[in-house]
Structures are given as structure tokens and as C-alpha cells.
Amino acid sequence: MKYKDFEKVMSQKRMNRYLTACNGDTRKAMTLYRYNLQLSQEVFTIISCFEVALRNAIDTQITSVLGAEWLKNSVMQGGIFTSRNTLKSYDIIMHAYNKLLSNGSYSHSKLLAEMEFGV
């Protein structure tokens, strides 16, 4: 692929940093961009696995204290995420809970899997 076509797809602004790093060598800039994509994929895989492991470890600890349905109960009246300070978490959990409930596939593990890392 010609650099100009590559740049048109990826954007000049995005490619400028690669061009600069490669002293204007367009072939090297495209190669560097591809290496960056490969590295990003590898890092994303590691982060995804860490996220699942962390979420499961947190779930194990909280389940031992609050019970097997702690996540669902957290958004029910009087739950730990029903205060004004935790509205974003409440919305994320409730949205996922309602989605699973409406398609008849609710389970605690499915609800847990729907959680974003920020919750």
C-alpha cells in the first residue's frame, strides 16, 4: 500500500508521530504503526486476563461477606450502589441486570461478566 493511501485511512495527524520517529521514512512509519498495533493487541490480551482475574477475586471476597447475589442486591432498594455517590455504578449494573432479565438469561456470573472495569 502506498503511504498516501495508508495516511488517508489512518489520518495524517495520527501518522505524523510515526513519520517523525522514522525521520520522514514513510515505509518505516507504516511498519512502526503495524508494530504498534501488534504490541497493543498483546497488551490488551494481558489486561483483559488481568481484568477477569481481578473481577473474580473481588467477587469471591464480596460474596463471602454479602452473599451469592450481592451484585444484583447492590442495586435493589437499600443496596450499596443506590446512593447518589455511586450513581454511575448503579446505572451500569442496573442496565446489565435488566438486559439479562429481559432475555431470560440472568445469573450472577453473567451479571458479573457484564461489568465494566470501572465498577
N, C-alpha and C. Protein backbone atom coordinates (compact mmCIF):
# COMPACT_ATOMS: atom_id res chain seq x y z
N MET A 1 0.84 -1.17 0.00
CA MET A 1 0.00 0.00 0.00
C MET A 1 0.89 1.24 0.00
N LYS A 2 0.50 2.20 -0.76
CA LYS A 2 1.23 3.46 -0.81
C LYS A 2 0.96 4.25 0.47
N TYR A 3 1.99 4.98 0.89
CA TYR A 3 1.88 5.72 2.14
C TYR A 3 0.70 6.69 2.13
N LYS A 4 0.50 7.41 1.05
CA LYS A 4 -0.58 8.40 0.98
C LYS A 4 -1.93 7.73 1.20
N ASP A 5 -2.11 6.52 0.67
CA ASP A 5 -3.36 5.78 0.89
C ASP A 5 -3.48 5.36 2.36
N PHE A 6 -2.37 4.89 2.90
CA PHE A 6 -2.32 4.49 4.31
C PHE A 6 -2.66 5.68 5.20
N GLU A 7 -2.04 6.80 4.91
CA GLU A 7 -2.26 8.02 5.69
C GLU A 7 -3.70 8.50 5.56
N LYS A 8 -4.27 8.36 4.40
CA LYS A 8 -5.66 8.77 4.17
C LYS A 8 -6.61 7.97 5.07
N VAL A 9 -6.33 6.69 5.20
CA VAL A 9 -7.17 5.83 6.02
C VAL A 9 -6.93 6.08 7.51
N MET A 10 -5.68 6.18 7.91
CA MET A 10 -5.32 6.30 9.32
C MET A 10 -5.35 7.74 9.83
N SER A 11 -5.20 8.68 8.98
CA SER A 11 -5.20 10.14 9.22
C SER A 11 -3.77 10.67 9.31
N GLN A 12 -3.62 11.85 8.77
CA GLN A 12 -2.31 12.50 8.78
C GLN A 12 -1.87 12.80 10.21
N LYS A 13 -2.81 13.26 11.01
CA LYS A 13 -2.48 13.61 12.39
C LYS A 13 -1.93 12.40 13.14
N ARG A 14 -2.56 11.25 12.97
CA ARG A 14 -2.10 10.04 13.65
C ARG A 14 -0.73 9.60 13.14
N MET A 15 -0.53 9.69 11.84
CA MET A 15 0.71 9.19 11.25
C MET A 15 1.90 10.13 11.43
N ASN A 16 1.65 11.39 11.74
CA ASN A 16 2.75 12.35 11.90
C ASN A 16 3.75 11.92 12.96
N ARG A 17 3.28 11.37 14.07
CA ARG A 17 4.21 10.95 15.13
C ARG A 17 5.11 9.80 14.66
N TYR A 18 4.57 8.93 13.80
CA TYR A 18 5.37 7.81 13.28
C TYR A 18 6.37 8.30 12.24
N LEU A 19 5.92 9.24 11.41
CA LEU A 19 6.83 9.85 10.43
C LEU A 19 7.98 10.55 11.12
N THR A 20 7.67 11.28 12.15
CA THR A 20 8.69 11.99 12.91
C THR A 20 9.69 11.01 13.53
N ALA A 21 9.17 9.94 14.12
CA ALA A 21 10.02 8.94 14.76
C ALA A 21 10.92 8.24 13.75
N CYS A 22 10.46 8.20 12.49
CA CYS A 22 11.22 7.50 11.44
C CYS A 22 11.93 8.47 10.50
N ASN A 23 12.10 9.71 10.94
CA ASN A 23 12.80 10.73 10.15
C ASN A 23 12.24 10.87 8.75
N GLY A 24 10.92 10.81 8.62
CA GLY A 24 10.28 11.02 7.33
C GLY A 24 10.22 9.81 6.43
N ASP A 25 10.75 8.68 6.84
CA ASP A 25 10.73 7.46 6.02
C ASP A 25 9.34 6.84 6.10
N THR A 26 8.58 6.97 5.03
CA THR A 26 7.19 6.53 5.04
C THR A 26 7.05 5.02 5.20
N ARG A 27 7.94 4.26 4.59
CA ARG A 27 7.88 2.80 4.71
C ARG A 27 8.10 2.37 6.17
N LYS A 28 9.10 2.97 6.80
CA LYS A 28 9.37 2.66 8.20
C LYS A 28 8.22 3.12 9.10
N ALA A 29 7.62 4.24 8.76
CA ALA A 29 6.50 4.76 9.55
C ALA A 29 5.31 3.79 9.51
N MET A 30 5.02 3.25 8.33
CA MET A 30 3.94 2.27 8.23
C MET A 30 4.27 1.00 9.00
N THR A 31 5.52 0.58 8.92
CA THR A 31 5.96 -0.62 9.65
C THR A 31 5.86 -0.39 11.15
N LEU A 32 6.31 0.77 11.60
CA LEU A 32 6.24 1.11 13.02
C LEU A 32 4.79 1.13 13.50
N TYR A 33 3.90 1.66 12.68
CA TYR A 33 2.48 1.69 13.03
C TYR A 33 1.95 0.26 13.20
N ARG A 34 2.30 -0.61 12.28
CA ARG A 34 1.87 -2.01 12.37
C ARG A 34 2.43 -2.69 13.62
N TYR A 35 3.69 -2.41 13.95
CA TYR A 35 4.28 -2.96 15.18
C TYR A 35 3.51 -2.47 16.41
N ASN A 36 3.13 -1.20 16.37
CA ASN A 36 2.36 -0.64 17.47
C ASN A 36 1.03 -1.36 17.62
N LEU A 37 0.38 -1.67 16.51
CA LEU A 37 -0.88 -2.42 16.56
C LEU A 37 -0.68 -3.80 17.17
N GLN A 38 0.38 -4.48 16.77
CA GLN A 38 0.66 -5.81 17.31
C GLN A 38 0.93 -5.75 18.81
N LEU A 39 1.71 -4.78 19.22
CA LEU A 39 2.00 -4.61 20.64
C LEU A 39 0.73 -4.31 21.43
N SER A 40 -0.11 -3.45 20.87
CA SER A 40 -1.38 -3.11 21.52
C SER A 40 -2.25 -4.34 21.70
N GLN A 41 -2.29 -5.21 20.71
CA GLN A 41 -3.08 -6.44 20.81
C GLN A 41 -2.55 -7.33 21.94
N GLU A 42 -1.24 -7.45 22.04
CA GLU A 42 -0.65 -8.28 23.09
C GLU A 42 -0.96 -7.70 24.47
N VAL A 43 -0.80 -6.41 24.62
CA VAL A 43 -1.05 -5.76 25.91
C VAL A 43 -2.54 -5.87 26.27
N PHE A 44 -3.41 -5.70 25.29
CA PHE A 44 -4.85 -5.80 25.54
C PHE A 44 -5.21 -7.19 26.05
N THR A 45 -4.60 -8.23 25.50
CA THR A 45 -4.86 -9.59 25.95
C THR A 45 -4.47 -9.75 27.42
N ILE A 46 -3.31 -9.24 27.78
CA ILE A 46 -2.84 -9.34 29.17
C ILE A 46 -3.78 -8.57 30.10
N ILE A 47 -4.16 -7.36 29.69
CA ILE A 47 -5.06 -6.54 30.52
C ILE A 47 -6.42 -7.21 30.66
N SER A 48 -6.93 -7.81 29.60
CA SER A 48 -8.22 -8.50 29.65
C SER A 48 -8.19 -9.66 30.63
N CYS A 49 -7.12 -10.44 30.58
CA CYS A 49 -6.99 -11.57 31.52
C CYS A 49 -6.87 -11.07 32.96
N PHE A 50 -6.12 -10.01 33.16
CA PHE A 50 -5.99 -9.42 34.49
C PHE A 50 -7.34 -8.93 34.99
N GLU A 51 -8.11 -8.29 34.12
CA GLU A 51 -9.42 -7.77 34.50
C GLU A 51 -10.33 -8.90 34.96
N VAL A 52 -10.37 -10.01 34.22
CA VAL A 52 -11.21 -11.14 34.60
C VAL A 52 -10.76 -11.72 35.94
N ALA A 53 -9.45 -11.91 36.10
CA ALA A 53 -8.92 -12.46 37.35
C ALA A 53 -9.23 -11.55 38.54
N LEU A 54 -9.05 -10.25 38.36
CA LEU A 54 -9.33 -9.29 39.43
C LEU A 54 -10.81 -9.27 39.77
N ARG A 55 -11.65 -9.24 38.75
CA ARG A 55 -13.11 -9.22 38.97
C ARG A 55 -13.54 -10.47 39.73
N ASN A 56 -12.99 -11.64 39.35
CA ASN A 56 -13.35 -12.88 40.03
C ASN A 56 -12.85 -12.91 41.48
N ALA A 57 -11.67 -12.37 41.70
CA ALA A 57 -11.14 -12.32 43.07
C ALA A 57 -11.98 -11.40 43.95
N ILE A 58 -12.36 -10.26 43.40
CA ILE A 58 -13.22 -9.32 44.14
C ILE A 58 -14.56 -9.98 44.44
N ASP A 59 -15.12 -10.66 43.43
CA ASP A 59 -16.40 -11.33 43.60
C ASP A 59 -16.32 -12.38 44.71
N THR A 60 -15.26 -13.15 44.73
CA THR A 60 -15.10 -14.18 45.77
C THR A 60 -15.10 -13.56 47.15
N GLN A 61 -14.38 -12.46 47.31
CA GLN A 61 -14.30 -11.79 48.62
C GLN A 61 -15.64 -11.18 49.02
N ILE A 62 -16.27 -10.48 48.10
CA ILE A 62 -17.54 -9.81 48.44
C ILE A 62 -18.64 -10.85 48.66
N THR A 63 -18.63 -11.93 47.89
CA THR A 63 -19.63 -12.99 48.07
C THR A 63 -19.54 -13.57 49.47
N SER A 64 -18.34 -13.72 49.98
CA SER A 64 -18.18 -14.30 51.31
C SER A 64 -18.76 -13.39 52.40
N VAL A 65 -18.87 -12.10 52.10
CA VAL A 65 -19.40 -11.15 53.09
C VAL A 65 -20.87 -10.83 52.84
N LEU A 66 -21.23 -10.59 51.56
CA LEU A 66 -22.59 -10.11 51.25
C LEU A 66 -23.50 -11.16 50.62
N GLY A 67 -22.97 -12.33 50.30
CA GLY A 67 -23.81 -13.39 49.75
C GLY A 67 -23.70 -13.52 48.24
N ALA A 68 -24.27 -14.61 47.74
CA ALA A 68 -24.12 -15.00 46.34
C ALA A 68 -24.77 -14.03 45.34
N GLU A 69 -25.75 -13.28 45.78
CA GLU A 69 -26.44 -12.34 44.88
C GLU A 69 -26.09 -10.89 45.20
N TRP A 70 -24.90 -10.67 45.72
CA TRP A 70 -24.52 -9.33 46.17
C TRP A 70 -24.61 -8.28 45.07
N LEU A 71 -24.26 -8.64 43.85
CA LEU A 71 -24.24 -7.64 42.78
C LEU A 71 -25.66 -7.21 42.42
N LYS A 72 -26.55 -8.16 42.26
CA LYS A 72 -27.96 -7.83 41.99
C LYS A 72 -28.54 -7.05 43.17
N ASN A 73 -28.28 -7.52 44.38
CA ASN A 73 -28.82 -6.86 45.58
C ASN A 73 -28.26 -5.45 45.75
N SER A 74 -27.10 -5.19 45.20
CA SER A 74 -26.47 -3.88 45.36
C SER A 74 -27.25 -2.76 44.69
N VAL A 75 -28.10 -3.10 43.72
CA VAL A 75 -28.88 -2.07 43.02
C VAL A 75 -30.36 -2.11 43.39
N MET A 76 -30.72 -3.01 44.28
CA MET A 76 -32.09 -3.04 44.78
C MET A 76 -32.23 -2.03 45.90
N GLN A 77 -33.47 -1.71 46.27
CA GLN A 77 -33.70 -0.70 47.30
C GLN A 77 -32.85 -0.97 48.54
N GLY A 78 -32.09 0.04 48.95
CA GLY A 78 -31.22 -0.07 50.11
C GLY A 78 -29.88 -0.72 49.82
N GLY A 79 -29.61 -1.05 48.54
CA GLY A 79 -28.35 -1.68 48.16
C GLY A 79 -27.17 -0.73 48.24
N ILE A 80 -25.98 -1.30 48.18
CA ILE A 80 -24.78 -0.48 48.37
C ILE A 80 -24.51 0.50 47.24
N PHE A 81 -25.13 0.30 46.07
CA PHE A 81 -24.93 1.23 44.96
C PHE A 81 -26.15 2.11 44.69
N THR A 82 -27.02 2.27 45.68
CA THR A 82 -28.21 3.10 45.47
C THR A 82 -28.06 4.52 46.00
N SER A 83 -26.88 4.87 46.45
CA SER A 83 -26.68 6.24 46.93
C SER A 83 -26.32 7.16 45.76
N ARG A 84 -26.47 8.43 45.99
CA ARG A 84 -26.18 9.44 44.96
C ARG A 84 -24.71 9.39 44.52
N ASN A 85 -23.82 9.00 45.42
CA ASN A 85 -22.38 8.97 45.13
C ASN A 85 -21.97 7.83 44.20
N THR A 86 -22.82 6.84 44.05
CA THR A 86 -22.48 5.67 43.23
C THR A 86 -23.43 5.50 42.05
N LEU A 87 -23.97 6.60 41.58
CA LEU A 87 -24.98 6.56 40.52
C LEU A 87 -24.48 5.93 39.23
N LYS A 88 -23.26 6.21 38.85
CA LYS A 88 -22.73 5.63 37.60
C LYS A 88 -22.64 4.11 37.70
N SER A 89 -22.12 3.61 38.81
CA SER A 89 -22.05 2.16 39.01
C SER A 89 -23.45 1.56 39.04
N TYR A 90 -24.35 2.23 39.72
CA TYR A 90 -25.75 1.78 39.78
C TYR A 90 -26.33 1.64 38.37
N ASP A 91 -26.14 2.66 37.54
CA ASP A 91 -26.68 2.64 36.18
C ASP A 91 -26.10 1.49 35.36
N ILE A 92 -24.79 1.26 35.47
CA ILE A 92 -24.14 0.19 34.71
C ILE A 92 -24.68 -1.17 35.15
N ILE A 93 -24.75 -1.39 36.45
CA ILE A 93 -25.23 -2.67 36.97
C ILE A 93 -26.69 -2.88 36.62
N MET A 94 -27.51 -1.86 36.83
CA MET A 94 -28.95 -1.99 36.56
C MET A 94 -29.22 -2.24 35.08
N HIS A 95 -28.49 -1.57 34.22
CA HIS A 95 -28.66 -1.77 32.78
C HIS A 95 -28.35 -3.22 32.41
N ALA A 96 -27.24 -3.73 32.92
CA ALA A 96 -26.85 -5.11 32.63
C ALA A 96 -27.85 -6.09 33.23
N TYR A 97 -28.29 -5.83 34.44
CA TYR A 97 -29.26 -6.71 35.10
C TYR A 97 -30.56 -6.76 34.31
N ASN A 98 -31.07 -5.59 33.92
CA ASN A 98 -32.33 -5.55 33.16
C ASN A 98 -32.20 -6.25 31.81
N LYS A 99 -31.07 -6.09 31.16
CA LYS A 99 -30.83 -6.75 29.88
C LYS A 99 -30.87 -8.27 30.04
N LEU A 100 -30.17 -8.77 31.02
CA LEU A 100 -30.14 -10.21 31.26
C LEU A 100 -31.51 -10.74 31.69
N LEU A 101 -32.19 -9.97 32.50
CA LEU A 101 -33.51 -10.37 32.97
C LEU A 101 -34.51 -10.42 31.81
N SER A 102 -34.43 -9.42 30.92
CA SER A 102 -35.39 -9.35 29.81
C SER A 102 -35.21 -10.48 28.79
N ASN A 103 -33.99 -10.97 28.65
CA ASN A 103 -33.82 -12.09 27.70
C ASN A 103 -33.78 -13.44 28.41
N GLY A 104 -34.12 -13.44 29.69
CA GLY A 104 -34.27 -14.68 30.43
C GLY A 104 -32.97 -15.42 30.70
N SER A 105 -31.87 -14.70 30.72
CA SER A 105 -30.59 -15.39 30.92
C SER A 105 -29.83 -14.90 32.15
N TYR A 106 -30.56 -14.32 33.12
CA TYR A 106 -29.86 -13.79 34.29
C TYR A 106 -29.21 -14.91 35.12
N SER A 107 -28.00 -14.66 35.52
CA SER A 107 -27.32 -15.40 36.57
C SER A 107 -26.29 -14.45 37.15
N HIS A 108 -25.87 -14.72 38.36
CA HIS A 108 -24.88 -13.84 38.98
C HIS A 108 -23.61 -13.78 38.14
N SER A 109 -23.16 -14.93 37.66
CA SER A 109 -21.91 -14.95 36.88
C SER A 109 -22.05 -14.17 35.58
N LYS A 110 -23.22 -14.22 34.94
CA LYS A 110 -23.41 -13.43 33.71
C LYS A 110 -23.46 -11.94 34.03
N LEU A 111 -24.09 -11.60 35.13
CA LEU A 111 -24.13 -10.19 35.52
C LEU A 111 -22.72 -9.69 35.83
N LEU A 112 -21.97 -10.50 36.53
CA LEU A 112 -20.59 -10.13 36.85
C LEU A 112 -19.77 -9.93 35.58
N ALA A 113 -19.96 -10.81 34.61
CA ALA A 113 -19.21 -10.72 33.35
C ALA A 113 -19.56 -9.47 32.56
N GLU A 114 -20.73 -8.93 32.77
CA GLU A 114 -21.17 -7.72 32.06
C GLU A 114 -20.56 -6.44 32.63
N MET A 115 -19.97 -6.53 33.79
CA MET A 115 -19.45 -5.33 34.45
C MET A 115 -18.24 -4.76 33.76
N GLU A 116 -18.24 -3.44 33.67
CA GLU A 116 -17.09 -2.72 33.14
C GLU A 116 -16.03 -2.67 34.23
N PHE A 117 -14.80 -2.49 33.83
CA PHE A 117 -13.70 -2.48 34.78
C PHE A 117 -13.89 -1.39 35.83
N GLY A 118 -14.48 -0.28 35.47
CA GLY A 118 -14.65 0.83 36.39
C GLY A 118 -15.59 0.58 37.55
N VAL A 119 -16.50 -0.38 37.42
CA VAL A 119 -17.42 -0.68 38.50
C VAL A 119 -16.64 -1.30 39.62
